[in-house]
N, C-alpha and C. Protein backbone atom coordinates (compact mmCIF):
# COMPACT_ATOMS: atom_id res chain seq x y z
N ASN A 1 107.84 125.31 98.05
CA ASN A 1 106.42 125.09 98.18
C ASN A 1 105.78 124.65 96.88
N GLY A 2 106.51 124.67 95.78
CA GLY A 2 105.93 124.28 94.51
C GLY A 2 106.21 122.85 94.13
N CYS A 3 106.87 122.10 94.97
CA CYS A 3 107.24 120.73 94.65
C CYS A 3 106.06 119.79 94.91
N SER A 4 105.77 118.93 93.94
CA SER A 4 104.65 117.99 94.10
C SER A 4 105.08 116.68 94.76
N ARG A 5 106.35 116.48 94.93
CA ARG A 5 106.86 115.21 95.45
C ARG A 5 106.23 114.79 96.79
N PRO A 6 106.07 115.66 97.77
CA PRO A 6 105.48 115.22 99.04
C PRO A 6 104.06 114.69 98.90
N TYR A 7 103.39 115.08 97.84
CA TYR A 7 101.99 114.68 97.66
C TYR A 7 101.85 113.39 96.86
N LEU A 8 102.92 112.96 96.21
CA LEU A 8 102.84 111.79 95.33
C LEU A 8 103.52 110.55 95.90
N GLY A 9 104.52 110.71 96.72
CA GLY A 9 105.28 109.56 97.20
C GLY A 9 104.54 108.74 98.24
N ASP A 10 105.13 107.63 98.62
CA ASP A 10 104.55 106.79 99.68
C ASP A 10 104.48 107.56 100.99
N VAL A 11 105.52 108.35 101.25
CA VAL A 11 105.60 109.17 102.46
C VAL A 11 106.08 110.55 102.03
N GLY A 12 105.48 111.58 102.58
CA GLY A 12 105.89 112.94 102.24
C GLY A 12 105.92 113.82 103.47
N PHE A 13 106.70 114.88 103.39
CA PHE A 13 106.82 115.83 104.49
C PHE A 13 106.65 117.23 103.93
N VAL A 14 105.79 118.01 104.57
CA VAL A 14 105.59 119.40 104.16
C VAL A 14 105.80 120.27 105.39
N GLY A 15 106.76 121.17 105.29
CA GLY A 15 107.05 122.05 106.41
C GLY A 15 105.88 122.95 106.75
N THR A 16 105.59 123.07 108.03
CA THR A 16 104.49 123.93 108.47
C THR A 16 104.99 125.16 109.21
N THR A 17 106.05 124.99 109.96
CA THR A 17 106.69 126.08 110.68
C THR A 17 108.10 125.61 111.01
N LEU A 18 108.91 126.43 111.58
CA LEU A 18 110.29 126.07 111.86
C LEU A 18 110.37 124.78 112.67
N GLY A 19 110.95 123.73 112.07
CA GLY A 19 111.18 122.47 112.76
C GLY A 19 109.97 121.57 112.89
N LYS A 20 108.85 121.89 112.21
CA LYS A 20 107.66 121.05 112.27
C LYS A 20 107.15 120.75 110.86
N TYR A 21 106.60 119.54 110.72
CA TYR A 21 106.18 119.07 109.41
C TYR A 21 104.85 118.33 109.48
N ASP A 22 104.05 118.46 108.43
CA ASP A 22 102.92 117.56 108.23
C ASP A 22 103.49 116.29 107.64
N VAL A 23 103.19 115.15 108.26
CA VAL A 23 103.62 113.85 107.75
C VAL A 23 102.47 113.32 106.91
N MET A 24 102.77 113.03 105.65
CA MET A 24 101.75 112.64 104.69
C MET A 24 102.02 111.22 104.21
N LEU A 25 100.96 110.43 104.08
CA LEU A 25 101.09 109.03 103.68
C LEU A 25 100.07 108.67 102.61
N GLY A 26 100.38 107.62 101.88
CA GLY A 26 99.39 106.96 101.05
C GLY A 26 99.36 107.31 99.59
N GLY A 27 100.25 108.14 99.11
CA GLY A 27 100.24 108.49 97.70
C GLY A 27 100.87 107.41 96.84
N ASP A 28 100.89 107.65 95.54
CA ASP A 28 101.60 106.76 94.64
C ASP A 28 102.25 107.58 93.53
N PHE A 29 103.35 107.07 93.02
CA PHE A 29 104.12 107.81 92.03
C PHE A 29 103.46 107.80 90.66
N ASP A 30 102.42 106.99 90.46
CA ASP A 30 101.69 107.00 89.20
C ASP A 30 100.78 108.22 89.09
N GLY A 31 100.57 108.91 90.20
CA GLY A 31 99.72 110.08 90.20
C GLY A 31 98.23 109.77 90.27
N THR A 32 97.90 108.53 90.60
CA THR A 32 96.49 108.16 90.69
C THR A 32 95.93 108.40 92.09
N ARG A 33 96.82 108.63 93.06
CA ARG A 33 96.37 108.85 94.43
C ARG A 33 97.36 109.79 95.12
N LEU A 34 96.85 110.82 95.73
CA LEU A 34 97.69 111.77 96.44
C LEU A 34 97.79 111.38 97.91
N ASN A 35 98.89 111.80 98.52
CA ASN A 35 99.06 111.63 99.96
C ASN A 35 97.99 112.41 100.70
N ARG A 36 97.72 111.95 101.90
CA ARG A 36 96.86 112.68 102.82
C ARG A 36 97.64 112.93 104.10
N VAL A 37 97.25 113.95 104.83
CA VAL A 37 97.94 114.26 106.09
C VAL A 37 97.63 113.15 107.09
N PHE A 38 98.68 112.50 107.54
CA PHE A 38 98.56 111.46 108.56
C PHE A 38 98.71 112.06 109.95
N ALA A 39 99.71 112.92 110.10
CA ALA A 39 99.97 113.57 111.39
C ALA A 39 100.40 115.01 111.12
N PRO A 40 99.63 115.97 111.58
CA PRO A 40 99.97 117.37 111.31
C PRO A 40 100.97 117.94 112.31
N ASN A 41 101.80 118.84 111.81
CA ASN A 41 102.63 119.69 112.67
C ASN A 41 103.51 118.90 113.64
N VAL A 42 104.20 117.90 113.14
CA VAL A 42 105.03 117.02 113.97
C VAL A 42 106.44 117.61 114.11
N PRO A 43 106.95 117.75 115.32
CA PRO A 43 108.34 118.20 115.48
C PRO A 43 109.29 117.22 114.78
N ILE A 44 110.30 117.75 114.14
CA ILE A 44 111.22 116.93 113.35
C ILE A 44 111.84 115.81 114.19
N THR A 45 112.07 116.06 115.46
CA THR A 45 112.70 115.04 116.31
C THR A 45 111.76 113.87 116.60
N GLU A 46 110.46 114.04 116.40
CA GLU A 46 109.49 112.98 116.68
C GLU A 46 109.11 112.16 115.45
N ILE A 47 109.54 112.59 114.27
CA ILE A 47 109.15 111.88 113.05
C ILE A 47 109.65 110.44 113.03
N PRO A 48 110.90 110.15 113.38
CA PRO A 48 111.34 108.74 113.36
C PRO A 48 110.50 107.84 114.26
N SER A 49 110.18 108.29 115.47
CA SER A 49 109.38 107.45 116.37
C SER A 49 107.94 107.33 115.91
N LEU A 50 107.46 108.28 115.15
CA LEU A 50 106.11 108.20 114.57
C LEU A 50 106.06 107.15 113.46
N LEU A 51 107.09 107.13 112.62
CA LEU A 51 107.08 106.26 111.44
C LEU A 51 107.62 104.85 111.69
N ARG A 52 108.52 104.69 112.64
CA ARG A 52 109.16 103.39 112.87
C ARG A 52 108.14 102.26 113.03
N PRO A 53 107.12 102.39 113.91
CA PRO A 53 106.17 101.28 114.05
C PRO A 53 105.37 101.01 112.77
N LEU A 54 105.17 102.04 111.98
CA LEU A 54 104.44 101.84 110.72
C LEU A 54 105.29 101.04 109.73
N PHE A 55 106.57 101.36 109.65
CA PHE A 55 107.45 100.62 108.76
C PHE A 55 107.61 99.17 109.21
N GLU A 56 107.65 98.96 110.52
CA GLU A 56 107.73 97.59 111.03
C GLU A 56 106.47 96.80 110.71
N ALA A 57 105.31 97.42 110.87
CA ALA A 57 104.04 96.76 110.54
C ALA A 57 103.96 96.49 109.04
N TYR A 58 104.39 97.44 108.24
CA TYR A 58 104.40 97.26 106.78
C TYR A 58 105.25 96.06 106.40
N ARG A 59 106.42 95.97 106.96
CA ARG A 59 107.32 94.85 106.65
C ARG A 59 106.67 93.51 107.00
N ALA A 60 105.94 93.47 108.09
CA ALA A 60 105.33 92.22 108.55
C ALA A 60 104.02 91.88 107.84
N GLU A 61 103.28 92.90 107.39
CA GLU A 61 101.91 92.68 106.92
C GLU A 61 101.68 92.88 105.43
N ARG A 62 102.63 93.41 104.71
CA ARG A 62 102.38 93.75 103.31
C ARG A 62 102.16 92.52 102.45
N ASN A 63 101.46 92.74 101.36
CA ASN A 63 101.30 91.71 100.35
C ASN A 63 102.52 91.76 99.43
N THR A 64 102.78 90.69 98.72
CA THR A 64 103.90 90.64 97.79
C THR A 64 103.81 91.80 96.81
N SER A 65 104.90 92.51 96.65
CA SER A 65 105.02 93.64 95.72
C SER A 65 104.14 94.83 96.08
N GLU A 66 103.58 94.87 97.28
CA GLU A 66 102.73 95.98 97.69
C GLU A 66 103.60 97.11 98.23
N GLY A 67 103.47 98.28 97.64
CA GLY A 67 104.20 99.44 98.11
C GLY A 67 103.62 99.98 99.40
N PHE A 68 104.40 100.80 100.07
CA PHE A 68 103.97 101.34 101.36
C PHE A 68 102.68 102.15 101.23
N GLY A 69 102.59 102.98 100.21
CA GLY A 69 101.38 103.80 100.02
C GLY A 69 100.14 102.95 99.81
N ASN A 70 100.27 101.90 99.01
CA ASN A 70 99.13 101.00 98.79
C ASN A 70 98.75 100.29 100.07
N TRP A 71 99.75 99.82 100.81
CA TRP A 71 99.50 99.16 102.08
C TRP A 71 98.81 100.11 103.06
N ALA A 72 99.30 101.34 103.16
CA ALA A 72 98.72 102.32 104.08
C ALA A 72 97.25 102.56 103.77
N ASN A 73 96.92 102.64 102.49
CA ASN A 73 95.52 102.83 102.12
C ASN A 73 94.68 101.60 102.39
N ARG A 74 95.23 100.43 102.18
CA ARG A 74 94.49 99.19 102.42
C ARG A 74 94.21 99.03 103.91
N VAL A 75 95.21 99.27 104.75
CA VAL A 75 95.06 99.11 106.19
C VAL A 75 94.17 100.21 106.77
N GLY A 76 94.33 101.42 106.27
CA GLY A 76 93.54 102.56 106.73
C GLY A 76 94.25 103.39 107.78
N PHE A 77 93.99 104.68 107.74
CA PHE A 77 94.67 105.61 108.63
C PHE A 77 94.33 105.38 110.10
N ASP A 78 93.11 104.98 110.41
CA ASP A 78 92.76 104.75 111.82
C ASP A 78 93.64 103.65 112.41
N ALA A 79 93.80 102.55 111.69
CA ALA A 79 94.65 101.45 112.17
C ALA A 79 96.11 101.89 112.25
N LEU A 80 96.56 102.69 111.30
CA LEU A 80 97.94 103.17 111.33
C LEU A 80 98.16 104.09 112.53
N ARG A 81 97.22 104.95 112.80
CA ARG A 81 97.35 105.84 113.96
C ARG A 81 97.38 105.03 115.25
N ASP A 82 96.51 104.03 115.34
CA ASP A 82 96.50 103.17 116.53
C ASP A 82 97.85 102.49 116.72
N ALA A 83 98.42 101.96 115.64
CA ALA A 83 99.72 101.28 115.72
C ALA A 83 100.82 102.24 116.13
N SER A 84 100.81 103.43 115.57
CA SER A 84 101.85 104.40 115.87
C SER A 84 101.75 104.89 117.31
N VAL A 85 100.56 105.18 117.76
CA VAL A 85 100.37 105.69 119.13
C VAL A 85 100.68 104.62 120.16
N SER A 86 100.19 103.40 119.95
CA SER A 86 100.41 102.35 120.94
C SER A 86 101.89 102.01 121.07
N GLU A 87 102.61 102.04 119.98
CA GLU A 87 104.04 101.74 120.02
C GLU A 87 104.80 102.85 120.74
N ARG A 88 104.43 104.09 120.51
CA ARG A 88 105.16 105.21 121.11
C ARG A 88 104.85 105.37 122.59
N THR A 89 103.70 104.88 123.04
CA THR A 89 103.35 105.02 124.45
C THR A 89 103.68 103.76 125.25
N ALA A 90 104.14 102.71 124.57
CA ALA A 90 104.46 101.44 125.26
C ALA A 90 105.76 101.56 126.03
C-alpha cells in the first residue's frame, strides 16, 4: 500500500478487495500529474476487456510521441468510458 507507482504511471492498479482493483489512468512518470480512478472495483478477469478498446483507440488516435497518460487526459475520461463501454457491449 505504500507504493506510489500506481499513481504515477500511464495505467495503474490498486487492489480494493480480493480479486478486484481500481483501474487508474492518466498519470505521468515525471510526477507532474497523478492517475485518477477510471473504473473502480473491477474484477481482475474484466480488466483486459476494459482496457483493450482504450489501447486500440490510443494506437489509432495518438499524436506522435504522445504517451498513453497524456493521450487519456487529452481525450478525457468521458470519451474513454464511452469507448470502453461501447466496445464491451458490442
